Protein backbone atom coordinates (compact mmCIF):
# COMPACT_ATOMS: atom_id res chain seq x y z
CA UNK A 1 -8.86 0.94 1.41
CA UNK A 2 -10.76 -1.14 -1.13
CA UNK A 3 -7.54 -2.08 -2.94
CA UNK A 4 -5.60 -3.21 0.15
CA UNK A 5 -3.65 -6.45 0.06
CA UNK A 6 -3.30 -8.78 3.01
CA UNK A 7 0.05 -9.35 4.69
CA UNK A 8 1.48 -12.27 6.62
CA UNK A 9 2.31 -10.17 9.72
CA UNK A 10 0.01 -7.52 11.25
CA UNK A 11 2.90 -5.12 11.96
CA UNK A 12 6.28 -4.20 10.52
CA UNK A 13 9.59 -4.64 12.32
CA UNK A 14 11.10 -1.36 11.10
CA UNK A 15 9.12 1.89 11.30
CA UNK A 16 9.15 4.43 8.48
CA UNK A 17 12.04 6.88 8.98
CA UNK A 18 11.21 9.58 6.43
CA UNK A 19 10.87 13.17 7.70
CA UNK A 20 7.20 13.28 6.70
CA UNK A 21 6.51 10.24 8.89
CA UNK A 22 7.65 11.99 12.07
CA UNK A 23 5.19 14.89 11.70
CA UNK A 24 2.46 14.95 14.34
CA UNK A 25 -0.82 13.40 13.19
CA UNK A 26 -3.47 16.04 12.48
CA UNK A 27 -6.33 14.47 14.48
CA UNK A 28 -5.14 12.66 17.63
CA UNK A 29 -8.75 12.13 18.79
CA UNK A 30 -9.48 10.09 15.64
CA UNK A 31 -6.31 8.04 16.22
CA UNK A 32 -7.33 7.31 19.81
CA UNK A 33 -10.84 6.39 18.73
CA UNK A 34 -9.57 3.84 16.19
CA UNK A 35 -7.05 2.39 18.64
CA UNK A 36 -9.78 2.02 21.26
CA UNK A 37 -11.93 0.16 18.77
CA UNK A 38 -9.05 -2.19 18.03
CA UNK A 39 -8.49 -2.79 21.74
CA UNK A 40 -12.08 -3.97 22.00
CA UNK A 41 -11.57 -6.18 18.93
CA UNK A 42 -8.64 -8.01 20.59
CA UNK A 43 -11.11 -9.64 22.99
CA UNK A 44 -12.28 -11.77 20.07
CA UNK A 45 -8.92 -11.89 18.23
CA UNK A 46 -6.08 -12.27 20.76
CA UNK A 47 -3.60 -12.93 17.92
CA UNK A 48 -3.70 -9.19 17.15
CA UNK A 49 -2.82 -8.12 20.70
CA UNK A 50 0.87 -7.51 19.99
CA UNK A 51 0.21 -5.21 17.03
CA UNK A 52 -2.50 -3.30 18.91
CA UNK A 53 -0.19 -2.92 21.89
CA UNK A 54 2.48 -1.39 19.63
CA UNK A 55 0.11 1.30 18.34
CA UNK A 56 -1.31 1.91 21.83
CA UNK A 57 2.14 2.99 22.97
CA UNK A 58 1.84 6.12 20.82
CA UNK A 59 -1.59 7.36 21.89
CA UNK A 60 -0.14 10.35 23.77
CA UNK A 61 1.61 11.79 20.70
CA UNK A 62 0.63 10.03 17.46
CA UNK A 63 2.65 10.78 14.34
CA UNK A 64 1.93 10.04 10.69
CA UNK A 65 4.02 6.86 10.82
CA UNK A 66 1.91 5.59 13.72
CA UNK A 67 -1.29 6.22 11.79
CA UNK A 68 0.18 4.27 8.88
CA UNK A 69 0.85 1.37 11.26
CA UNK A 70 -2.71 1.69 12.53
CA UNK A 71 -4.14 1.45 9.02
């Protein structure tokens, strides 16, 4: 992620609709761990709460598109 570029909004309005995006994520524990870390981070950065809430809604069954949103 060293070559990442910043964006004006922390989340996208339209999710990815490709068939590969709707495949279940291979490591749901890792997804939940990262989301939990972001939840803790929102204490200091409340402006990210909406984006973190969106990815928290998929903790029960994360898919590849949700992990892309998380990244």
